[in-house]
C-alpha atoms as a PDB file:
ATOM      1  CA  MET A   1      31.608   4.982   9.851  1.00  0.00           C
ATOM      2  CA  GLN A   2      29.974   7.753   8.873  1.00  0.00           C
ATOM      3  CA  THR A   3      30.035  10.501   6.388  1.00  0.00           C
ATOM      4  CA  ARG A   4      29.798  14.090   6.126  1.00  0.00           C
ATOM      5  CA  TYR A   5      29.890  16.804   2.626  1.00  0.00           C
ATOM      6  CA  ALA A   6      31.396  18.870   1.709  1.00  0.00           C
ATOM      7  CA  THR A   7      28.879  22.148   2.513  1.00  0.00           C
ATOM      8  CA  ASN A   8      28.746  26.178   0.206  1.00  0.00           C
ATOM      9  CA  PRO A   9      29.620  28.157   3.185  1.00  0.00           C
ATOM     10  CA  GLU A  10      26.373  30.426   1.863  1.00  0.00           C
ATOM     11  CA  ASP A  11      24.259  27.380   2.402  1.00  0.00           C
ATOM     12  CA  VAL A  12      25.483  27.374   5.392  1.00  0.00           C
ATOM     13  CA  LYS A  13      24.136  31.228   6.788  1.00  0.00           C
ATOM     14  CA  SER A  14      20.830  29.993   6.388  1.00  0.00           C
ATOM     15  CA  TYR A  15      22.214  26.023   8.933  1.00  0.00           C
ATOM     16  CA  THR A  16      19.825  25.827  12.342  1.00  0.00           C
ATOM     17  CA  THR A  17      21.976  24.370  15.017  1.00  0.00           C
ATOM     18  CA  ASP A  18      20.303  21.055  14.412  1.00  0.00           C
ATOM     19  CA  LYS A  19      21.620  21.373  11.160  1.00  0.00           C
ATOM     20  CA  LEU A  20      25.139  22.766  12.074  1.00  0.00           C
ATOM     21  CA  ARG A  21      25.317  20.671  14.289  1.00  0.00           C
ATOM     22  CA  GLU A  22      25.107  17.953  11.701  1.00  0.00           C
ATOM     23  CA  GLU A  23      27.279  18.820   9.314  1.00  0.00           C
ATOM     24  CA  PHE A  24      30.026  19.391  11.504  1.00  0.00           C
ATOM     25  CA  LEU A  25      29.786  17.589  15.215  1.00  0.00           C
ATOM     26  CA  VAL A  26      31.282  14.773  16.033  1.00  0.00           C
ATOM     27  CA  GLU A  27      30.074  13.534  18.702  1.00  0.00           C
ATOM     28  CA  THR A  28      31.021   9.477  19.986  1.00  0.00           C
ATOM     29  CA  ILE A  29      34.892   9.260  18.169  1.00  0.00           C
ATOM     30  CA  PHE A  30      35.195   6.594  21.353  1.00  0.00           C
ATOM     31  CA  GLU A  31      33.748   3.668  22.447  1.00  0.00           C
ATOM     32  CA  LEU A  32      35.520   0.390  24.300  1.00  0.00           C
ATOM     33  CA  GLY A  33      35.537  -2.458  21.570  1.00  0.00           C
ATOM     34  CA  LYS A  34      34.425  -0.312  18.897  1.00  0.00           C
ATOM     35  CA  VAL A  35      35.892   1.597  15.680  1.00  0.00           C
ATOM     36  CA  HIS A  36      34.148   4.830  15.003  1.00  0.00           C
ATOM     37  CA  LEU A  37      35.130   6.936  11.958  1.00  0.00           C
ATOM     38  CA  THR A  38      34.174   9.731   9.794  1.00  0.00           C
ATOM     39  CA  TYR A  39      34.546  10.321   6.144  1.00  0.00           C
ATOM     40  CA  THR A  40      34.729  14.186   5.530  1.00  0.00           C
ATOM     41  CA  HIS A  41      34.290  14.983   1.417  1.00  0.00           C
ATOM     42  CA  ASN A  42      35.825  17.723   2.411  1.00  0.00           C
ATOM     43  CA  ASP A  43      39.235  16.273   1.240  1.00  0.00           C
ATOM     44  CA  ARG A  44      37.994  13.276   1.532  1.00  0.00           C
ATOM     45  CA  MET A  45      40.328  13.052   4.901  1.00  0.00           C
ATOM     46  CA  ILE A  46      39.209  10.080   7.899  1.00  0.00           C
ATOM     47  CA  PHE A  47      39.540  10.361  11.740  1.00  0.00           C
ATOM     48  CA  GLY A  48      38.259   9.225  14.041  1.00  0.00           C
ATOM     49  CA  GLY A  49      39.017   7.115  17.398  1.00  0.00           C
ATOM     50  CA  VAL A  50      39.845   3.007  17.677  1.00  0.00           C
ATOM     51  CA  THR A  51      39.337   1.819  21.156  1.00  0.00           C
ATOM     52  CA  PRO A  52      40.252  -1.570  21.188  1.00  0.00           C
ATOM     53  CA  ALA A  53      39.695  -3.559  24.678  1.00  0.00           C
ATOM     54  CA  GLU A  54      39.492  -7.499  25.624  1.00  0.00           C
ATOM     55  CA  GLU A  55      39.911  -8.375  21.754  1.00  0.00           C
ATOM     56  CA  GLU A  56      42.166  -6.002  19.135  1.00  0.00           C
ATOM     57  CA  LEU A  57      40.656  -3.869  16.565  1.00  0.00           C
ATOM     58  CA  THR A  58      41.414  -2.862  12.733  1.00  0.00           C
ATOM     59  CA  ILE A  59      39.980  -0.744  10.346  1.00  0.00           C
ATOM     60  CA  LYS A  60      38.842  -2.356   7.362  1.00  0.00           C
ATOM     61  CA  LEU A  61      37.697  -0.368   4.240  1.00  0.00           C
ATOM     62  CA  ASP A  62      37.839  -1.660   1.478  1.00  0.00           C
ATOM     63  CA  LYS A  63      34.652  -2.041  -0.885  1.00  0.00           C
ATOM     64  CA  GLU A  64      34.060   1.974   0.821  1.00  0.00           C
ATOM     65  CA  LEU A  65      37.190   2.824  -0.293  1.00  0.00           C
ATOM     66  CA  GLY A  66      37.312   0.700  -3.828  1.00  0.00           C
ATOM     67  CA  VAL A  67      40.388  -0.827  -2.614  1.00  0.00           C
ATOM     68  CA  GLU A  68      42.338  -4.105  -1.931  1.00  0.00           C
ATOM     69  CA  TYR A  69      42.546  -2.799   1.831  1.00  0.00           C
ATOM     70  CA  PHE A  70      42.452   0.173   4.351  1.00  0.00           C
ATOM     71  CA  LEU A  71      45.866   1.793   2.905  1.00  0.00           C
ATOM     72  CA  GLU A  72      46.876   0.920  -0.198  1.00  0.00           C
ATOM     73  CA  ARG A  73      46.046   4.439  -1.598  1.00  0.00           C
ATOM     74  CA  ARG A  74      46.512   6.461   1.913  1.00  0.00           C
ATOM     75  CA  GLU A  75      48.603   7.280   4.800  1.00  0.00           C
ATOM     76  CA  MET A  76      47.944   7.545   8.721  1.00  0.00           C
ATOM     77  CA  GLY A  77      48.441   9.267  12.045  1.00  0.00           C
ATOM     78  CA  ILE A  78      47.410   8.212  15.342  1.00  0.00           C
ATOM     79  CA  ILE A  79      48.229   9.288  18.356  1.00  0.00           C
ATOM     80  CA  ASN A  80      47.293   7.808  21.928  1.00  0.00           C
ATOM     81  CA  ILE A  81      44.711   9.603  24.084  1.00  0.00           C
ATOM     82  CA  GLY A  82      44.140   6.774  26.338  1.00  0.00           C
ATOM     83  CA  GLY A  83      46.085   3.935  28.539  1.00  0.00           C
ATOM     84  CA  HIS A  84      48.786   1.749  27.549  1.00  0.00           C
ATOM     85  CA  GLY A  85      48.260   0.410  24.201  1.00  0.00           C
ATOM     86  CA  ILE A  86      50.100  -1.520  21.132  1.00  0.00           C
ATOM     87  CA  VAL A  87      49.407  -1.400  16.972  1.00  0.00           C
ATOM     88  CA  ILE A  88      50.906  -3.913  15.120  1.00  0.00           C
ATOM     89  CA  LEU A  89      51.937  -2.464  11.576  1.00  0.00           C
ATOM     90  CA  ASP A  90      52.832  -5.767   9.092  1.00  0.00           C
ATOM     91  CA  GLY A  91      54.229  -7.684  12.426  1.00  0.00           C
ATOM     92  CA  THR A  92      55.664  -5.125  13.603  1.00  0.00           C
ATOM     93  CA  GLU A  93      55.289  -4.108  17.110  1.00  0.00           C
ATOM     94  CA  TYR A  94      54.772  -0.384  18.614  1.00  0.00           C
ATOM     95  CA  ASP A  95      54.281   0.397  21.286  1.00  0.00           C
ATOM     96  CA  MET A  96      52.054   3.255  22.321  1.00  0.00           C
ATOM     97  CA  GLN A  97      51.973   5.507  25.822  1.00  0.00           C
ATOM     98  CA  LEU A  98      49.750   7.502  26.404  1.00  0.00           C
ATOM     99  CA  GLN A  99      50.122  10.291  23.614  1.00  0.00           C
ATOM    100  CA  ASP A 100      52.495   9.590  21.923  1.00  0.00           C
ATOM    101  CA  GLY A 101      52.446   9.471  17.807  1.00  0.00           C
ATOM    102  CA  LEU A 102      52.877   7.649  14.608  1.00  0.00           C
ATOM    103  CA  TYR A 103      52.622   8.185  10.791  1.00  0.00           C
ATOM    104  CA  VAL A 104      51.913   5.467   8.984  1.00  0.00           C
ATOM    105  CA  SER A 105      52.705   4.828   5.556  1.00  0.00           C
ATOM    106  CA  LYS A 106      50.910   4.456   2.381  1.00  0.00           C
ATOM    107  CA  GLY A 107      51.017   0.763   1.848  1.00  0.00           C
ATOM    108  CA  THR A 108      50.819  -0.893   5.016  1.00  0.00           C
ATOM    109  CA  LYS A 109      48.528  -3.429   4.532  1.00  0.00           C
ATOM    110  CA  GLU A 110      47.327  -4.978   8.529  1.00  0.00           C
ATOM    111  CA  VAL A 111      46.834  -2.680  10.873  1.00  0.00           C
ATOM    112  CA  LEU A 112      45.721  -4.219  14.425  1.00  0.00           C
ATOM    113  CA  PHE A 113      44.709  -1.868  17.739  1.00  0.00           C
ATOM    114  CA  ARG A 114      45.384  -3.553  20.952  1.00  0.00           C
ATOM    115  CA  SER A 115      45.238  -2.296  25.030  1.00  0.00           C
ATOM    116  CA  LYS A 116      48.031  -3.569  27.328  1.00  0.00           C
ATOM    117  CA  ASP A 117      44.810  -3.415  29.893  1.00  0.00           C
ATOM    118  CA  ALA A 118      41.267  -3.237  29.125  1.00  0.00           C
ATOM    119  CA  ALA A 119      40.478  -1.396  32.340  1.00  0.00           C
ATOM    120  CA  ASN A 120      42.315   1.248  31.385  1.00  0.00           C
ATOM    121  CA  PRO A 121      41.654   1.079  27.712  1.00  0.00           C
ATOM    122  CA  ALA A 122      44.360   2.326  24.680  1.00  0.00           C
ATOM    123  CA  LYS A 123      42.198   5.261  22.922  1.00  0.00           C
ATOM    124  CA  PHE A 124      43.698   5.502  19.212  1.00  0.00           C
ATOM    125  CA  TYR A 125      42.959   8.332  17.516  1.00  0.00           C
ATOM    126  CA  ILE A 126      43.559   8.507  13.566  1.00  0.00           C
ATOM    127  CA  ASN A 127      43.358  10.545  10.721  1.00  0.00           C
ATOM    128  CA  SER A 128      43.896   9.560   6.974  1.00  0.00           C
ATOM    129  CA  THR A 129      44.163  11.360   3.688  1.00  0.00           C
ATOM    130  CA  PRO A 130      44.444  10.022   0.263  1.00  0.00           C
ATOM    131  CA  ALA A 131      48.530   9.699  -1.117  1.00  0.00           C
ATOM    132  CA  HIS A 132      50.794   9.381  -3.359  1.00  0.00           C
ATOM    133  CA  HIS A 133      53.849   8.438  -2.356  1.00  0.00           C
ATOM    134  CA  ILE A 134      55.235   6.098   0.178  1.00  0.00           C
ATOM    135  CA  TYR A 135      57.159   7.361   3.183  1.00  0.00           C
ATOM    136  CA  PRO A 136      58.230   5.208   5.922  1.00  0.00           C
ATOM    137  CA  THR A 137      56.930   4.667   9.364  1.00  0.00           C
ATOM    138  CA  VAL A 138      57.443   6.401  12.140  1.00  0.00           C
ATOM    139  CA  LYS A 139      57.301   6.583  16.076  1.00  0.00           C
ATOM    140  CA  ILE A 140      56.696   9.288  17.789  1.00  0.00           C
ATOM    141  CA  ASP A 141      57.082  10.458  21.575  1.00  0.00           C
ATOM    142  CA  ILE A 142      55.485  13.228  22.330  1.00  0.00           C
ATOM    143  CA  ASN A 143      59.131  13.611  25.621  1.00  0.00           C
ATOM    144  CA  LYS A 144      61.041  14.121  22.255  1.00  0.00           C
ATOM    145  CA  ILE A 145      59.030  16.823  20.195  1.00  0.00           C
ATOM    146  CA  SER A 146      60.700  20.598  21.480  1.00  0.00           C
ATOM    147  CA  PRO A 147      57.060  22.169  21.554  1.00  0.00           C
ATOM    148  CA  LEU A 148      56.474  25.891  20.073  1.00  0.00           C
ATOM    149  CA  GLU A 149      55.282  28.025  22.599  1.00  0.00           C
ATOM    150  CA  ALA A 150      52.423  30.846  21.833  1.00  0.00           C
ATOM    151  CA  GLY A 151      50.467  33.461  23.137  1.00  0.00           C
ATOM    152  CA  SER A 152      50.335  34.606  26.744  1.00  0.00           C
ATOM    153  CA  SER A 153      48.658  34.587  29.782  1.00  0.00           C
ATOM    154  CA  GLU A 154      47.293  38.273  29.092  1.00  0.00           C
ATOM    155  CA  THR A 155      45.782  37.448  26.432  1.00  0.00           C
ATOM    156  CA  LEU A 156      44.966  34.023  27.607  1.00  0.00           C
ATOM    157  CA  ASN A 157      45.937  31.378  24.779  1.00  0.00           C
ATOM    158  CA  ASP A 158      49.392  30.612  26.663  1.00  0.00           C
ATOM    159  CA  ARG A 159      49.667  27.035  24.995  1.00  0.00           C
ATOM    160  CA  LYS A 160      52.349  24.373  23.801  1.00  0.00           C
ATOM    161  CA  ILE A 161      52.084  23.043  19.844  1.00  0.00           C
ATOM    162  CA  TYR A 162      54.179  20.018  18.648  1.00  0.00           C
ATOM    163  CA  GLN A 163      54.346  19.129  15.658  1.00  0.00           C
ATOM    164  CA  TYR A 164      53.117  15.564  15.253  1.00  0.00           C
ATOM    165  CA  ILE A 165      52.969  14.415  11.443  1.00  0.00           C
ATOM    166  CA  HIS A 166      54.520  17.615  10.360  1.00  0.00           C
ATOM    167  CA  PRO A 167      57.644  18.208   8.618  1.00  0.00           C
ATOM    168  CA  ASN A 168      60.371  18.783  11.036  1.00  0.00           C
ATOM    169  CA  VAL A 169      59.377  15.533  11.827  1.00  0.00           C
ATOM    170  CA  CYS A 170      58.631  13.574   9.412  1.00  0.00           C
ATOM    171  CA  GLU A 171      57.497  13.099   5.486  1.00  0.00           C
ATOM    172  CA  SER A 172      54.325  12.809   4.563  1.00  0.00           C
ATOM    173  CA  CYS A 173      52.373  13.543   1.092  1.00  0.00           C
ATOM    174  CA  GLN A 174      49.803  15.882   2.665  1.00  0.00           C
ATOM    175  CA  LEU A 175      48.578  14.639   5.870  1.00  0.00           C
ATOM    176  CA  GLN A 176      49.603  17.055   9.138  1.00  0.00           C
ATOM    177  CA  MET A 177      48.566  16.690  12.686  1.00  0.00           C
ATOM    178  CA  GLY A 178      49.546  17.160  16.008  1.00  0.00           C
ATOM    179  CA  LEU A 179      48.311  17.889  19.736  1.00  0.00           C
ATOM    180  CA  THR A 180      48.248  21.619  21.325  1.00  0.00           C
ATOM    181  CA  MET A 181      48.210  21.745  25.851  1.00  0.00           C
ATOM    182  CA  LEU A 182      46.616  24.907  26.711  1.00  0.00           C
ATOM    183  CA  SER A 183      47.598  26.257  30.130  1.00  0.00           C
ATOM    184  CA  GLN A 184      45.534  26.607  33.090  1.00  0.00           C
ATOM    185  CA  GLY A 185      44.118  30.156  32.718  1.00  0.00           C
ATOM    186  CA  SER A 186      44.000  30.194  29.206  1.00  0.00           C
ATOM    187  CA  VAL A 187      41.142  29.250  26.716  1.00  0.00           C
ATOM    188  CA  TRP A 188      41.452  30.757  23.326  1.00  0.00           C
ATOM    189  CA  ASN A 189      43.411  28.323  20.791  1.00  0.00           C
ATOM    190  CA  THR A 190      44.658  30.864  18.869  1.00  0.00           C
ATOM    191  CA  MET A 191      42.629  34.205  18.621  1.00  0.00           C
ATOM    192  CA  PRO A 192      42.929  36.386  16.140  1.00  0.00           C
ATOM    193  CA  CYS A 193      41.657  34.276  14.145  1.00  0.00           C
ATOM    194  CA  HIS A 194      42.867  32.556  10.568  1.00  0.00           C
ATOM    195  CA  THR A 195      41.878  31.192   7.068  1.00  0.00           C
ATOM    196  CA  HIS A 196      43.663  28.650   4.947  1.00  0.00           C
ATOM    197  CA  GLU A 197      41.425  28.653   2.068  1.00  0.00           C
ATOM    198  CA  ARG A 198      44.649  25.341   0.944  1.00  0.00           C
ATOM    199  CA  ARG A 199      43.613  23.254   3.340  1.00  0.00           C
ATOM    200  CA  MET A 200      40.508  21.631   6.415  1.00  0.00           C
ATOM    201  CA  GLU A 201      41.309  20.611   9.214  1.00  0.00           C
ATOM    202  CA  VAL A 202      39.992  18.168  11.770  1.00  0.00           C
ATOM    203  CA  TYR A 203      39.963  18.811  15.834  1.00  0.00           C
ATOM    204  CA  LEU A 204      38.683  16.152  18.085  1.00  0.00           C
ATOM    205  CA  TYR A 205      39.285  18.157  22.028  1.00  0.00           C
ATOM    206  CA  PHE A 206      40.245  16.673  25.273  1.00  0.00           C
ATOM    207  CA  ASN A 207      41.425  16.585  28.136  1.00  0.00           C
ATOM    208  CA  MET A 208      38.266  18.305  29.985  1.00  0.00           C
ATOM    209  CA  GLU A 209      36.268  18.490  33.016  1.00  0.00           C
ATOM    210  CA  PRO A 210      32.695  16.410  33.074  1.00  0.00           C
ATOM    211  CA  GLU A 211      30.812  19.924  32.831  1.00  0.00           C
ATOM    212  CA  THR A 212      33.634  21.834  30.399  1.00  0.00           C
ATOM    213  CA  ARG A 213      32.320  22.845  27.334  1.00  0.00           C
ATOM    214  CA  VAL A 214      34.722  24.207  24.279  1.00  0.00           C
ATOM    215  CA  PHE A 215      32.650  27.453  21.857  1.00  0.00           C
ATOM    216  CA  HIS A 216      34.629  25.691  18.396  1.00  0.00           C
ATOM    217  CA  PHE A 217      33.580  28.742  15.820  1.00  0.00           C
ATOM    218  CA  MET A 218      33.938  28.666  12.342  1.00  0.00           C
ATOM    219  CA  GLY A 219      32.048  29.860   9.205  1.00  0.00           C
ATOM    220  CA  LYS A 220      33.315  33.548   7.308  1.00  0.00           C
ATOM    221  CA  PRO A 221      34.632  35.902   9.166  1.00  0.00           C
ATOM    222  CA  GLU A 222      31.843  38.282   8.381  1.00  0.00           C
ATOM    223  CA  GLU A 223      29.550  35.552   9.820  1.00  0.00           C
ATOM    224  CA  THR A 224      30.342  33.013  11.894  1.00  0.00           C
ATOM    225  CA  ARG A 225      28.393  30.601  13.609  1.00  0.00           C
ATOM    226  CA  HIS A 226      29.641  28.033  16.994  1.00  0.00           C
ATOM    227  CA  LEU A 227      29.412  24.669  17.920  1.00  0.00           C
ATOM    228  CA  VAL A 228      29.234  23.348  21.829  1.00  0.00           C
ATOM    229  CA  LEU A 229      31.583  20.572  22.408  1.00  0.00           C
ATOM    230  CA  LYS A 230      31.823  18.081  25.293  1.00  0.00           C
ATOM    231  CA  ASN A 231      35.073  16.356  26.100  1.00  0.00           C
ATOM    232  CA  GLU A 232      36.423  13.561  23.359  1.00  0.00           C
ATOM    233  CA  GLN A 233      34.179  15.302  20.151  1.00  0.00           C
ATOM    234  CA  ALA A 234      34.955  16.454  17.481  1.00  0.00           C
ATOM    235  CA  ALA A 235      34.377  18.984  14.708  1.00  0.00           C
ATOM    236  CA  ILE A 236      34.815  19.642  11.360  1.00  0.00           C
ATOM    237  CA  SER A 237      36.283  23.239   9.837  1.00  0.00           C
ATOM    238  CA  PRO A 238      36.200  23.322   5.934  1.00  0.00           C
ATOM    239  CA  SER A 239      38.956  25.111   4.202  1.00  0.00           C
ATOM    240  CA  TRP A 240      36.325  28.872   4.220  1.00  0.00           C
ATOM    241  CA  SER A 241      35.907  28.113   8.087  1.00  0.00           C
ATOM    242  CA  ILE A 242      37.910  29.996  10.430  1.00  0.00           C
ATOM    243  CA  HIS A 243      39.641  27.957  12.841  1.00  0.00           C
ATOM    244  CA  THR A 244      39.496  29.569  16.341  1.00  0.00           C
ATOM    245  CA  GLY A 245      38.084  28.295  19.773  1.00  0.00           C
ATOM    246  CA  THR A 246      37.367  29.267  23.338  1.00  0.00           C
ATOM    247  CA  ALA A 247      36.392  26.995  26.803  1.00  0.00           C
ATOM    248  CA  THR A 248      34.505  27.553  30.277  1.00  0.00           C
ATOM    249  CA  SER A 249      38.870  25.651  30.976  1.00  0.00           C
ATOM    250  CA  ASN A 250      41.921  24.883  29.422  1.00  0.00           C
ATOM    251  CA  TYR A 251      41.410  21.834  27.335  1.00  0.00           C
ATOM    252  CA  THR A 252      43.568  20.234  25.033  1.00  0.00           C
ATOM    253  CA  PHE A 253      43.243  19.443  21.484  1.00  0.00           C
ATOM    254  CA  ILE A 254      44.169  17.784  18.307  1.00  0.00           C
ATOM    255  CA  TRP A 255      44.569  18.874  14.633  1.00  0.00           C
ATOM    256  CA  GLY A 256      44.685  17.636  11.795  1.00  0.00           C
ATOM    257  CA  MET A 257      44.913  18.812   8.745  1.00  0.00           C
ATOM    258  CA  CYS A 258      45.162  18.170   5.152  1.00  0.00           C
ATOM    259  CA  GLY A 259      45.296  20.267   1.278  1.00  0.00           C
ATOM    260  CA  GLU A 260      46.896  21.423  -1.596  1.00  0.00           C
ATOM    261  CA  ASN A 261      50.406  21.897   1.334  1.00  0.00           C
ATOM    262  CA  ILE A 262      52.088  20.850   4.323  1.00  0.00           C
ATOM    263  CA  THR A 263      52.913  24.249   5.438  1.00  0.00           C
ATOM    264  CA  TYR A 264      52.111  24.878   9.184  1.00  0.00           C
ATOM    265  CA  HIS A 265      52.077  28.336   8.369  1.00  0.00           C
ATOM    266  CA  ASP A 266      50.612  29.046   5.893  1.00  0.00           C
ATOM    267  CA  MET A 267      47.253  30.704   7.397  1.00  0.00           C
ATOM    268  CA  ASP A 268      45.407  34.107   6.211  1.00  0.00           C
ATOM    269  CA  PHE A 269      45.155  36.113   9.534  1.00  0.00           C
ATOM    270  CA  VAL A 270      41.462  37.716   9.892  1.00  0.00           C
ATOM    271  CA  LYS A 271      41.130  41.333  11.636  1.00  0.00           C
ATOM    272  CA  MET A 272      39.504  41.464  14.817  1.00  0.00           C
ATOM    273  CA  GLU A 273      37.246  44.369  13.285  1.00  0.00           C
ATOM    274  CA  GLU A 274      36.496  42.165  10.539  1.00  0.00           C
ATOM    275  CA  LEU A 275      34.863  39.185  12.150  1.00  0.00           C
ATOM    276  CA  ARG A 276      31.236  39.022  12.205  1.00  0.00           C
END
């Protein structure tokens, strides 16, 4: 697990491209037979990928978090973006097909990840945040989610928003997690853009062709910056930053949020004339 520390927006103004990528971009999320995690001090979220091959994988973070086991004081969300897999929670198995999700309750002691076929491995993307209460573990089938439809083809942001860990679906302490699919011909994930000082966010971009690139915009509205991402890379978006992006083709992304509330629509939209 690597660690990324919180940053001051005034300092970010002076960052070079390399420094910006070093602080906010995570280039390797999935690697066969490995667990790759990042701990960001922005609201203490842990995110990353678990890609089991022939052997089961688990997450062991006791000394790093000062606890006896990983989820002693945390909750977790999982979305599988790879092949057929299984998650085992304290002995109970959960079948995880492509884009199935799982909310894992605080206090779950053993979490095991398994691929049904190592030649087509599961890719479990996880978000974990501190938790103060035990809410029930919930399996989330993407085929049972009624997506929100947003944007339009005219504004190049026709998209469907699937809410996985959200008050409409299941209870959580502070974690929200979902998946947004852009239609063919659409490339903006949200514009006009927005901020939410009360919550940070992490984006995982995927379902992209090798040559496709995402331009993830961040920074204060009056002094924006950007990161260029390839398929299956992630960007940390601090609470003070704008949240938006565009790409050279359509794509899918998973958003994970935590902070002061779990109100999805708690956003402060930025007028186009205010962007610099």
